[in-house]
Structure formats: structure tokens, C-alpha cells
Amino acid sequence: TLDPAIYQNLTGRDGLTDSLKGIDAAI
């Protein structure tokens, strides 16, 4: 998901921003 609240609910943590930064870093 790209929804921060749903991401937190599914994963149990606030990591969406870090994940997106990681994707762009790999690119």
C-alpha cells in the first residue's frame, strides 16, 4: 500500500517513507 495508515496496520510499524526512499536509492 501507499497509504501510511494502512501500511502501519498491515506491518505494525511506520515504515512506508523509509521503504519508498529505499526503492529510489536502489534505482
mmCIF file of all heavy atoms, coordinates in Angstrom:
data_MODEL
# 
_entry.id   MODEL 
# 
loop_
_atom_site.group_PDB 
_atom_site.id 
_atom_site.type_symbol 
_atom_site.label_atom_id 
_atom_site.label_alt_id 
_atom_site.label_comp_id 
_atom_site.label_asym_id 
_atom_site.label_entity_id 
_atom_site.label_seq_id 
_atom_site.pdbx_PDB_ins_code 
_atom_site.Cartn_x 
_atom_site.Cartn_y 
_atom_site.Cartn_z 
_atom_site.occupancy 
_atom_site.B_iso_or_equiv 
_atom_site.pdbx_formal_charge 
_atom_site.auth_seq_id 
_atom_site.auth_comp_id 
_atom_site.auth_asym_id 
_atom_site.auth_atom_id 
_atom_site.pdbx_PDB_model_num 
ATOM 1   N N   . THR A 1 1  ? 0.836  -1.195 0.000   1.00 0.00 ? 1  THR A N   1 
ATOM 2   C CA  . THR A 1 1  ? 0.000  0.000  0.000   1.00 0.00 ? 1  THR A CA  1 
ATOM 3   C C   . THR A 1 1  ? 0.871  1.244  0.000   1.00 0.00 ? 1  THR A C   1 
ATOM 4   O O   . THR A 1 1  ? 2.028  1.203  0.434   1.00 0.00 ? 1  THR A O   1 
ATOM 5   C CB  . THR A 1 1  ? -0.926 0.020  1.238   1.00 0.00 ? 1  THR A CB  1 
ATOM 6   O OG1 . THR A 1 1  ? -1.749 1.205  1.205   1.00 0.00 ? 1  THR A OG1 1 
ATOM 7   C CG2 . THR A 1 1  ? -0.119 0.015  2.522   1.00 0.00 ? 1  THR A CG2 1 
ATOM 8   N N   . LEU A 1 2  ? 0.313  2.360  -0.464  1.00 0.00 ? 2  LEU A N   1 
ATOM 9   C CA  . LEU A 1 2  ? 0.966  3.663  -0.351  1.00 0.00 ? 2  LEU A CA  1 
ATOM 10  C C   . LEU A 1 2  ? 0.234  4.553  0.652   1.00 0.00 ? 2  LEU A C   1 
ATOM 11  O O   . LEU A 1 2  ? 0.529  5.744  0.764   1.00 0.00 ? 2  LEU A O   1 
ATOM 12  C CB  . LEU A 1 2  ? 1.034  4.352  -1.717  1.00 0.00 ? 2  LEU A CB  1 
ATOM 13  C CG  . LEU A 1 2  ? 1.944  3.690  -2.755  1.00 0.00 ? 2  LEU A CG  1 
ATOM 14  C CD1 . LEU A 1 2  ? 1.991  4.520  -4.032  1.00 0.00 ? 2  LEU A CD1 1 
ATOM 15  C CD2 . LEU A 1 2  ? 3.350  3.491  -2.209  1.00 0.00 ? 2  LEU A CD2 1 
ATOM 16  N N   . ASP A 1 3  ? -0.700 3.974  1.384   1.00 0.00 ? 3  ASP A N   1 
ATOM 17  C CA  . ASP A 1 3  ? -1.430 4.692  2.429   1.00 0.00 ? 3  ASP A CA  1 
ATOM 18  C C   . ASP A 1 3  ? -0.721 4.458  3.762   1.00 0.00 ? 3  ASP A C   1 
ATOM 19  O O   . ASP A 1 3  ? -0.642 3.316  4.228   1.00 0.00 ? 3  ASP A O   1 
ATOM 20  C CB  . ASP A 1 3  ? -2.869 4.178  2.498   1.00 0.00 ? 3  ASP A CB  1 
ATOM 21  C CG  . ASP A 1 3  ? -3.711 4.943  3.505   1.00 0.00 ? 3  ASP A CG  1 
ATOM 22  O OD1 . ASP A 1 3  ? -3.309 5.043  4.674   1.00 0.00 ? 3  ASP A OD1 1 
ATOM 23  O OD2 . ASP A 1 3  ? -4.788 5.428  3.111   1.00 0.00 ? 3  ASP A OD2 1 
ATOM 24  N N   . PRO A 1 4  ? -0.181 5.517  4.401   1.00 0.00 ? 4  PRO A N   1 
ATOM 25  C CA  . PRO A 1 4  ? 0.588  5.327  5.647   1.00 0.00 ? 4  PRO A CA  1 
ATOM 26  C C   . PRO A 1 4  ? -0.188 4.615  6.743   1.00 0.00 ? 4  PRO A C   1 
ATOM 27  O O   . PRO A 1 4  ? 0.372  3.777  7.458   1.00 0.00 ? 4  PRO A O   1 
ATOM 28  C CB  . PRO A 1 4  ? 0.940  6.764  6.059   1.00 0.00 ? 4  PRO A CB  1 
ATOM 29  C CG  . PRO A 1 4  ? 0.915  7.547  4.793   1.00 0.00 ? 4  PRO A CG  1 
ATOM 30  C CD  . PRO A 1 4  ? -0.181 6.935  3.967   1.00 0.00 ? 4  PRO A CD  1 
ATOM 31  N N   . ALA A 1 5  ? -1.476 4.924  6.896   1.00 0.00 ? 5  ALA A N   1 
ATOM 32  C CA  . ALA A 1 5  ? -2.270 4.294  7.951   1.00 0.00 ? 5  ALA A CA  1 
ATOM 33  C C   . ALA A 1 5  ? -2.460 2.803  7.679   1.00 0.00 ? 5  ALA A C   1 
ATOM 34  O O   . ALA A 1 5  ? -2.348 1.966  8.592   1.00 0.00 ? 5  ALA A O   1 
ATOM 35  C CB  . ALA A 1 5  ? -3.624 4.988  8.081   1.00 0.00 ? 5  ALA A CB  1 
ATOM 36  N N   . ILE A 1 6  ? -2.749 2.446  6.424   1.00 0.00 ? 6  ILE A N   1 
ATOM 37  C CA  . ILE A 1 6  ? -2.917 1.030  6.085   1.00 0.00 ? 6  ILE A CA  1 
ATOM 38  C C   . ILE A 1 6  ? -1.588 0.303  6.210   1.00 0.00 ? 6  ILE A C   1 
ATOM 39  O O   . ILE A 1 6  ? -1.530 -0.836 6.687   1.00 0.00 ? 6  ILE A O   1 
ATOM 40  C CB  . ILE A 1 6  ? -3.494 0.893  4.656   1.00 0.00 ? 6  ILE A CB  1 
ATOM 41  C CG1 . ILE A 1 6  ? -4.897 1.500  4.590   1.00 0.00 ? 6  ILE A CG1 1 
ATOM 42  C CG2 . ILE A 1 6  ? -3.533 -0.577 4.235   1.00 0.00 ? 6  ILE A CG2 1 
ATOM 43  C CD1 . ILE A 1 6  ? -5.500 1.494  3.189   1.00 0.00 ? 6  ILE A CD1 1 
ATOM 44  N N   . TYR A 1 7  ? -0.499 0.951  5.790   1.00 0.00 ? 7  TYR A N   1 
ATOM 45  C CA  . TYR A 1 7  ? 0.829  0.344  5.937   1.00 0.00 ? 7  TYR A CA  1 
ATOM 46  C C   . TYR A 1 7  ? 1.104  0.019  7.403   1.00 0.00 ? 7  TYR A C   1 
ATOM 47  O O   . TYR A 1 7  ? 1.567  -1.072 7.733   1.00 0.00 ? 7  TYR A O   1 
ATOM 48  C CB  . TYR A 1 7  ? 1.887  1.300  5.393   1.00 0.00 ? 7  TYR A CB  1 
ATOM 49  C CG  . TYR A 1 7  ? 3.283  0.714  5.353   1.00 0.00 ? 7  TYR A CG  1 
ATOM 50  C CD1 . TYR A 1 7  ? 3.800  0.199  4.165   1.00 0.00 ? 7  TYR A CD1 1 
ATOM 51  C CD2 . TYR A 1 7  ? 4.085  0.667  6.486   1.00 0.00 ? 7  TYR A CD2 1 
ATOM 52  C CE1 . TYR A 1 7  ? 5.076  -0.345 4.111   1.00 0.00 ? 7  TYR A CE1 1 
ATOM 53  C CE2 . TYR A 1 7  ? 5.362  0.126  6.452   1.00 0.00 ? 7  TYR A CE2 1 
ATOM 54  C CZ  . TYR A 1 7  ? 5.852  -0.375 5.263   1.00 0.00 ? 7  TYR A CZ  1 
ATOM 55  O OH  . TYR A 1 7  ? 7.120  -0.916 5.226   1.00 0.00 ? 7  TYR A OH  1 
ATOM 56  N N   . GLN A 1 8  ? 0.812  0.977  8.282   1.00 0.00 ? 8  GLN A N   1 
ATOM 57  C CA  . GLN A 1 8  ? 1.027  0.762  9.721   1.00 0.00 ? 8  GLN A CA  1 
ATOM 58  C C   . GLN A 1 8  ? 0.172  -0.397 10.216  1.00 0.00 ? 8  GLN A C   1 
ATOM 59  O O   . GLN A 1 8  ? 0.620  -1.243 10.997  1.00 0.00 ? 8  GLN A O   1 
ATOM 60  C CB  . GLN A 1 8  ? 0.686  2.032  10.487  1.00 0.00 ? 8  GLN A CB  1 
ATOM 61  C CG  . GLN A 1 8  ? 0.710  1.902  12.003  1.00 0.00 ? 8  GLN A CG  1 
ATOM 62  C CD  . GLN A 1 8  ? 1.968  2.474  12.620  1.00 0.00 ? 8  GLN A CD  1 
ATOM 63  O OE1 . GLN A 1 8  ? 2.501  3.466  12.146  1.00 0.00 ? 8  GLN A OE1 1 
ATOM 64  N NE2 . GLN A 1 8  ? 2.440  1.841  13.668  1.00 0.00 ? 8  GLN A NE2 1 
ATOM 65  N N   . ASN A 1 9  ? -1.062 -0.462 9.744   1.00 0.00 ? 9  ASN A N   1 
ATOM 66  C CA  . ASN A 1 9  ? -1.974 -1.519 10.185  1.00 0.00 ? 9  ASN A CA  1 
ATOM 67  C C   . ASN A 1 9  ? -1.516 -2.888 9.705   1.00 0.00 ? 9  ASN A C   1 
ATOM 68  O O   . ASN A 1 9  ? -1.584 -3.875 10.452  1.00 0.00 ? 9  ASN A O   1 
ATOM 69  C CB  . ASN A 1 9  ? -3.380 -1.226 9.660   1.00 0.00 ? 9  ASN A CB  1 
ATOM 70  C CG  . ASN A 1 9  ? -4.411 -2.224 10.159  1.00 0.00 ? 9  ASN A CG  1 
ATOM 71  O OD1 . ASN A 1 9  ? -4.407 -2.608 11.323  1.00 0.00 ? 9  ASN A OD1 1 
ATOM 72  N ND2 . ASN A 1 9  ? -5.301 -2.644 9.278   1.00 0.00 ? 9  ASN A ND2 1 
ATOM 73  N N   . LEU A 1 10 ? -1.023 -2.973 8.471   1.00 0.00 ? 10 LEU A N   1 
ATOM 74  C CA  . LEU A 1 10 ? -0.610 -4.257 7.900   1.00 0.00 ? 10 LEU A CA  1 
ATOM 75  C C   . LEU A 1 10 ? 0.730  -4.739 8.446   1.00 0.00 ? 10 LEU A C   1 
ATOM 76  O O   . LEU A 1 10 ? 0.931  -5.940 8.637   1.00 0.00 ? 10 LEU A O   1 
ATOM 77  C CB  . LEU A 1 10 ? -0.533 -4.149 6.375   1.00 0.00 ? 10 LEU A CB  1 
ATOM 78  C CG  . LEU A 1 10 ? -1.854 -4.041 5.613   1.00 0.00 ? 10 LEU A CG  1 
ATOM 79  C CD1 . LEU A 1 10 ? -1.586 -3.798 4.134   1.00 0.00 ? 10 LEU A CD1 1 
ATOM 80  C CD2 . LEU A 1 10 ? -2.690 -5.293 5.797   1.00 0.00 ? 10 LEU A CD2 1 
ATOM 81  N N   . THR A 1 11 ? 1.650  -3.802 8.691   1.00 0.00 ? 11 THR A N   1 
ATOM 82  C CA  . THR A 1 11 ? 3.015  -4.192 9.055   1.00 0.00 ? 11 THR A CA  1 
ATOM 83  C C   . THR A 1 11 ? 3.336  -4.003 10.527  1.00 0.00 ? 11 THR A C   1 
ATOM 84  O O   . THR A 1 11 ? 4.313  -4.555 11.027  1.00 0.00 ? 11 THR A O   1 
ATOM 85  C CB  . THR A 1 11 ? 4.043  -3.394 8.236   1.00 0.00 ? 11 THR A CB  1 
ATOM 86  O OG1 . THR A 1 11 ? 3.977  -2.009 8.619   1.00 0.00 ? 11 THR A OG1 1 
ATOM 87  C CG2 . THR A 1 11 ? 3.770  -3.518 6.746   1.00 0.00 ? 11 THR A CG2 1 
ATOM 88  N N   . GLY A 1 12 ? 2.540  -3.168 11.217  1.00 0.00 ? 12 GLY A N   1 
ATOM 89  C CA  . GLY A 1 12 ? 2.814  -2.912 12.625  1.00 0.00 ? 12 GLY A CA  1 
ATOM 90  C C   . GLY A 1 12 ? 3.860  -1.842 12.863  1.00 0.00 ? 12 GLY A C   1 
ATOM 91  O O   . GLY A 1 12 ? 4.310  -1.654 13.999  1.00 0.00 ? 12 GLY A O   1 
ATOM 92  N N   . ARG A 1 13 ? 4.249  -1.117 11.814  1.00 0.00 ? 13 ARG A N   1 
ATOM 93  C CA  . ARG A 1 13 ? 5.254  -0.074 12.006  1.00 0.00 ? 13 ARG A CA  1 
ATOM 94  C C   . ARG A 1 13 ? 5.073  1.028  10.969  1.00 0.00 ? 13 ARG A C   1 
ATOM 95  O O   . ARG A 1 13 ? 4.441  0.829  9.932   1.00 0.00 ? 13 ARG A O   1 
ATOM 96  C CB  . ARG A 1 13 ? 6.672  -0.647 11.907  1.00 0.00 ? 13 ARG A CB  1 
ATOM 97  C CG  . ARG A 1 13 ? 7.026  -1.199 10.540  1.00 0.00 ? 13 ARG A CG  1 
ATOM 98  C CD  . ARG A 1 13 ? 8.421  -1.796 10.538  1.00 0.00 ? 13 ARG A CD  1 
ATOM 99  N NE  . ARG A 1 13 ? 9.426  -0.798 10.879  1.00 0.00 ? 13 ARG A NE  1 
ATOM 100 C CZ  . ARG A 1 13 ? 10.655 -1.095 11.278  1.00 0.00 ? 13 ARG A CZ  1 
ATOM 101 N NH1 . ARG A 1 13 ? 11.025 -2.357 11.392  1.00 0.00 ? 13 ARG A NH1 1 
ATOM 102 N NH2 . ARG A 1 13 ? 11.521 -0.144 11.552  1.00 0.00 ? 13 ARG A NH2 1 
ATOM 103 N N   . ASP A 1 14 ? 5.669  2.187  11.273  1.00 0.00 ? 14 ASP A N   1 
ATOM 104 C CA  . ASP A 1 14 ? 5.603  3.336  10.383  1.00 0.00 ? 14 ASP A CA  1 
ATOM 105 C C   . ASP A 1 14 ? 6.840  3.319  9.485   1.00 0.00 ? 14 ASP A C   1 
ATOM 106 O O   . ASP A 1 14 ? 7.814  4.028  9.746   1.00 0.00 ? 14 ASP A O   1 
ATOM 107 C CB  . ASP A 1 14 ? 5.536  4.630  11.194  1.00 0.00 ? 14 ASP A CB  1 
ATOM 108 C CG  . ASP A 1 14 ? 5.483  5.874  10.323  1.00 0.00 ? 14 ASP A CG  1 
ATOM 109 O OD1 . ASP A 1 14 ? 5.157  5.731  9.130   1.00 0.00 ? 14 ASP A OD1 1 
ATOM 110 O OD2 . ASP A 1 14 ? 5.767  6.971  10.844  1.00 0.00 ? 14 ASP A OD2 1 
ATOM 111 N N   . GLY A 1 15 ? 6.804  2.510  8.420   1.00 0.00 ? 15 GLY A N   1 
ATOM 112 C CA  . GLY A 1 15 ? 7.997  2.347  7.599   1.00 0.00 ? 15 GLY A CA  1 
ATOM 113 C C   . GLY A 1 15 ? 7.808  2.693  6.140   1.00 0.00 ? 15 GLY A C   1 
ATOM 114 O O   . GLY A 1 15 ? 8.718  2.478  5.338   1.00 0.00 ? 15 GLY A O   1 
ATOM 115 N N   . LEU A 1 16 ? 6.661  3.248  5.774   1.00 0.00 ? 16 LEU A N   1 
ATOM 116 C CA  . LEU A 1 16 ? 6.379  3.489  4.365   1.00 0.00 ? 16 LEU A CA  1 
ATOM 117 C C   . LEU A 1 16 ? 7.382  4.461  3.742   1.00 0.00 ? 16 LEU A C   1 
ATOM 118 O O   . LEU A 1 16 ? 7.906  4.215  2.648   1.00 0.00 ? 16 LEU A O   1 
ATOM 119 C CB  . LEU A 1 16 ? 4.960  4.025  4.199   1.00 0.00 ? 16 LEU A CB  1 
ATOM 120 C CG  . LEU A 1 16 ? 4.536  4.398  2.770   1.00 0.00 ? 16 LEU A CG  1 
ATOM 121 C CD1 . LEU A 1 16 ? 4.658  3.202  1.839   1.00 0.00 ? 16 LEU A CD1 1 
ATOM 122 C CD2 . LEU A 1 16 ? 3.117  4.961  2.756   1.00 0.00 ? 16 LEU A CD2 1 
ATOM 123 N N   . THR A 1 17 ? 7.656  5.563  4.432   1.00 0.00 ? 17 THR A N   1 
ATOM 124 C CA  . THR A 1 17 ? 8.594  6.553  3.894   1.00 0.00 ? 17 THR A CA  1 
ATOM 125 C C   . THR A 1 17 ? 9.968  5.946  3.672   1.00 0.00 ? 17 THR A C   1 
ATOM 126 O O   . THR A 1 17 ? 10.608 6.161  2.637   1.00 0.00 ? 17 THR A O   1 
ATOM 127 C CB  . THR A 1 17 ? 8.700  7.765  4.829   1.00 0.00 ? 17 THR A CB  1 
ATOM 128 O OG1 . THR A 1 17 ? 7.420  8.399  4.946   1.00 0.00 ? 17 THR A OG1 1 
ATOM 129 C CG2 . THR A 1 17 ? 9.704  8.776  4.300   1.00 0.00 ? 17 THR A CG2 1 
ATOM 130 N N   . ASP A 1 18 ? 10.429 5.150  4.643   1.00 0.00 ? 18 ASP A N   1 
ATOM 131 C CA  . ASP A 1 18 ? 11.742 4.510  4.510   1.00 0.00 ? 18 ASP A CA  1 
ATOM 132 C C   . ASP A 1 18 ? 11.766 3.529  3.348   1.00 0.00 ? 18 ASP A C   1 
ATOM 133 O O   . ASP A 1 18 ? 12.766 3.430  2.624   1.00 0.00 ? 18 ASP A O   1 
ATOM 134 C CB  . ASP A 1 18 ? 12.108 3.780  5.807   1.00 0.00 ? 18 ASP A CB  1 
ATOM 135 C CG  . ASP A 1 18 ? 12.427 4.744  6.947   1.00 0.00 ? 18 ASP A CG  1 
ATOM 136 O OD1 . ASP A 1 18 ? 12.833 5.879  6.650   1.00 0.00 ? 18 ASP A OD1 1 
ATOM 137 O OD2 . ASP A 1 18 ? 12.254 4.359  8.112   1.00 0.00 ? 18 ASP A OD2 1 
ATOM 138 N N   . SER A 1 19 ? 10.670 2.798  3.165   1.00 0.00 ? 19 SER A N   1 
ATOM 139 C CA  . SER A 1 19 ? 10.606 1.837  2.068   1.00 0.00 ? 19 SER A CA  1 
ATOM 140 C C   . SER A 1 19 ? 10.682 2.539  0.723   1.00 0.00 ? 19 SER A C   1 
ATOM 141 O O   . SER A 1 19 ? 11.411 2.107  -0.186  1.00 0.00 ? 19 SER A O   1 
ATOM 142 C CB  . SER A 1 19 ? 9.319  1.019  2.165   1.00 0.00 ? 19 SER A CB  1 
ATOM 143 O OG  . SER A 1 19 ? 9.262  0.039  1.152   1.00 0.00 ? 19 SER A OG  1 
ATOM 144 N N   . LEU A 1 20 ? 9.954  3.643  0.567   1.00 0.00 ? 20 LEU A N   1 
ATOM 145 C CA  . LEU A 1 20 ? 9.975  4.384  -0.691  1.00 0.00 ? 20 LEU A CA  1 
ATOM 146 C C   . LEU A 1 20 ? 11.352 4.999  -0.945  1.00 0.00 ? 20 LEU A C   1 
ATOM 147 O O   . LEU A 1 20 ? 11.834 5.029  -2.082  1.00 0.00 ? 20 LEU A O   1 
ATOM 148 C CB  . LEU A 1 20 ? 8.900  5.466  -0.670  1.00 0.00 ? 20 LEU A CB  1 
ATOM 149 C CG  . LEU A 1 20 ? 7.450  4.961  -0.685  1.00 0.00 ? 20 LEU A CG  1 
ATOM 150 C CD1 . LEU A 1 20 ? 6.475  6.111  -0.481  1.00 0.00 ? 20 LEU A CD1 1 
ATOM 151 C CD2 . LEU A 1 20 ? 7.141  4.215  -1.970  1.00 0.00 ? 20 LEU A CD2 1 
ATOM 152 N N   . LYS A 1 21 ? 11.992 5.479  0.112   1.00 0.00 ? 21 LYS A N   1 
ATOM 153 C CA  . LYS A 1 21 ? 13.352 6.003  -0.037  1.00 0.00 ? 21 LYS A CA  1 
ATOM 154 C C   . LYS A 1 21 ? 14.303 4.892  -0.477  1.00 0.00 ? 21 LYS A C   1 
ATOM 155 O O   . LYS A 1 21 ? 15.214 5.120  -1.277  1.00 0.00 ? 21 LYS A O   1 
ATOM 156 C CB  . LYS A 1 21 ? 13.833 6.615  1.283   1.00 0.00 ? 21 LYS A CB  1 
ATOM 157 C CG  . LYS A 1 21 ? 13.191 7.946  1.634   1.00 0.00 ? 21 LYS A CG  1 
ATOM 158 C CD  . LYS A 1 21 ? 13.745 8.481  2.947   1.00 0.00 ? 21 LYS A CD  1 
ATOM 159 C CE  . LYS A 1 21 ? 13.158 9.837  3.295   1.00 0.00 ? 21 LYS A CE  1 
ATOM 160 N NZ  . LYS A 1 21 ? 13.678 10.339 4.604   1.00 0.00 ? 21 LYS A NZ  1 
ATOM 161 N N   . GLY A 1 22 ? 14.091 3.697  0.063   1.00 0.00 ? 22 GLY A N   1 
ATOM 162 C CA  . GLY A 1 22 ? 14.930 2.561  -0.315  1.00 0.00 ? 22 GLY A CA  1 
ATOM 163 C C   . GLY A 1 22 ? 14.770 2.199  -1.780  1.00 0.00 ? 22 GLY A C   1 
ATOM 164 O O   . GLY A 1 22 ? 15.750 1.889  -2.471  1.00 0.00 ? 22 GLY A O   1 
ATOM 165 N N   . ILE A 1 23 ? 13.538 2.229  -2.271  1.00 0.00 ? 23 ILE A N   1 
ATOM 166 C CA  . ILE A 1 23 ? 13.274 1.935  -3.688  1.00 0.00 ? 23 ILE A CA  1 
ATOM 167 C C   . ILE A 1 23 ? 14.018 2.927  -4.573  1.00 0.00 ? 23 ILE A C   1 
ATOM 168 O O   . ILE A 1 23 ? 14.708 2.547  -5.533  1.00 0.00 ? 23 ILE A O   1 
ATOM 169 C CB  . ILE A 1 23 ? 11.760 1.982  -3.964  1.00 0.00 ? 23 ILE A CB  1 
ATOM 170 C CG1 . ILE A 1 23 ? 11.065 0.803  -3.284  1.00 0.00 ? 23 ILE A CG1 1 
ATOM 171 C CG2 . ILE A 1 23 ? 11.484 1.976  -5.466  1.00 0.00 ? 23 ILE A CG2 1 
ATOM 172 C CD1 . ILE A 1 23 ? 9.552  0.907  -3.271  1.00 0.00 ? 23 ILE A CD1 1 
ATOM 173 N N   . ASP A 1 24 ? 13.902 4.203  -4.245  1.00 0.00 ? 24 ASP A N   1 
ATOM 174 C CA  . ASP A 1 24 ? 14.564 5.220  -5.056  1.00 0.00 ? 24 ASP A CA  1 
ATOM 175 C C   . ASP A 1 24 ? 16.081 5.119  -4.955  1.00 0.00 ? 24 ASP A C   1 
ATOM 176 O O   . ASP A 1 24 ? 16.793 5.373  -5.940  1.00 0.00 ? 24 ASP A O   1 
ATOM 177 C CB  . ASP A 1 24 ? 14.089 6.612  -4.636  1.00 0.00 ? 24 ASP A CB  1 
ATOM 178 C CG  . ASP A 1 24 ? 12.655 6.905  -5.084  1.00 0.00 ? 24 ASP A CG  1 
ATOM 179 O OD1 . ASP A 1 24 ? 12.228 6.314  -6.091  1.00 0.00 ? 24 ASP A OD1 1 
ATOM 180 O OD2 . ASP A 1 24 ? 11.971 7.701  -4.425  1.00 0.00 ? 24 ASP A OD2 1 
ATOM 181 N N   . ALA A 1 25 ? 16.602 4.732  -3.781  1.00 0.00 ? 25 ALA A N   1 
ATOM 182 C CA  . ALA A 1 25 ? 18.050 4.560  -3.624  1.00 0.00 ? 25 ALA A CA  1 
ATOM 183 C C   . ALA A 1 25 ? 18.554 3.434  -4.511  1.00 0.00 ? 25 ALA A C   1 
ATOM 184 O O   . ALA A 1 25 ? 19.616 3.548  -5.140  1.00 0.00 ? 25 ALA A O   1 
ATOM 185 C CB  . ALA A 1 25 ? 18.393 4.290  -2.168  1.00 0.00 ? 25 ALA A CB  1 
ATOM 186 N N   . ALA A 1 26 ? 17.807 2.335  -4.570  1.00 0.00 ? 26 ALA A N   1 
ATOM 187 C CA  . ALA A 1 26 ? 18.204 1.211  -5.425  1.00 0.00 ? 26 ALA A CA  1 
ATOM 188 C C   . ALA A 1 26 ? 18.176 1.609  -6.894  1.00 0.00 ? 26 ALA A C   1 
ATOM 189 O O   . ALA A 1 26 ? 19.063 1.224  -7.668  1.00 0.00 ? 26 ALA A O   1 
ATOM 190 C CB  . ALA A 1 26 ? 17.286 0.018  -5.170  1.00 0.00 ? 26 ALA A CB  1 
ATOM 191 N N   . ILE A 1 27 ? 17.174 2.385  -7.287  1.00 0.00 ? 27 ILE A N   1 
ATOM 192 C CA  . ILE A 1 27 ? 17.089 2.853  -8.677  1.00 0.00 ? 27 ILE A CA  1 
ATOM 193 C C   . ILE A 1 27 ? 18.293 3.726  -9.015  1.00 0.00 ? 27 ILE A C   1 
ATOM 194 O O   . ILE A 1 27 ? 18.875 3.613  -10.102 1.00 0.00 ? 27 ILE A O   1 
ATOM 195 C CB  . ILE A 1 27 ? 15.765 3.607  -8.904  1.00 0.00 ? 27 ILE A CB  1 
ATOM 196 C CG1 . ILE A 1 27 ? 14.577 2.643  -8.798  1.00 0.00 ? 27 ILE A CG1 1 
ATOM 197 C CG2 . ILE A 1 27 ? 15.760 4.294  -10.273 1.00 0.00 ? 27 ILE A CG2 1 
ATOM 198 C CD1 . ILE A 1 27 ? 13.226 3.325  -8.824  1.00 0.00 ? 27 ILE A CD1 1 
# 
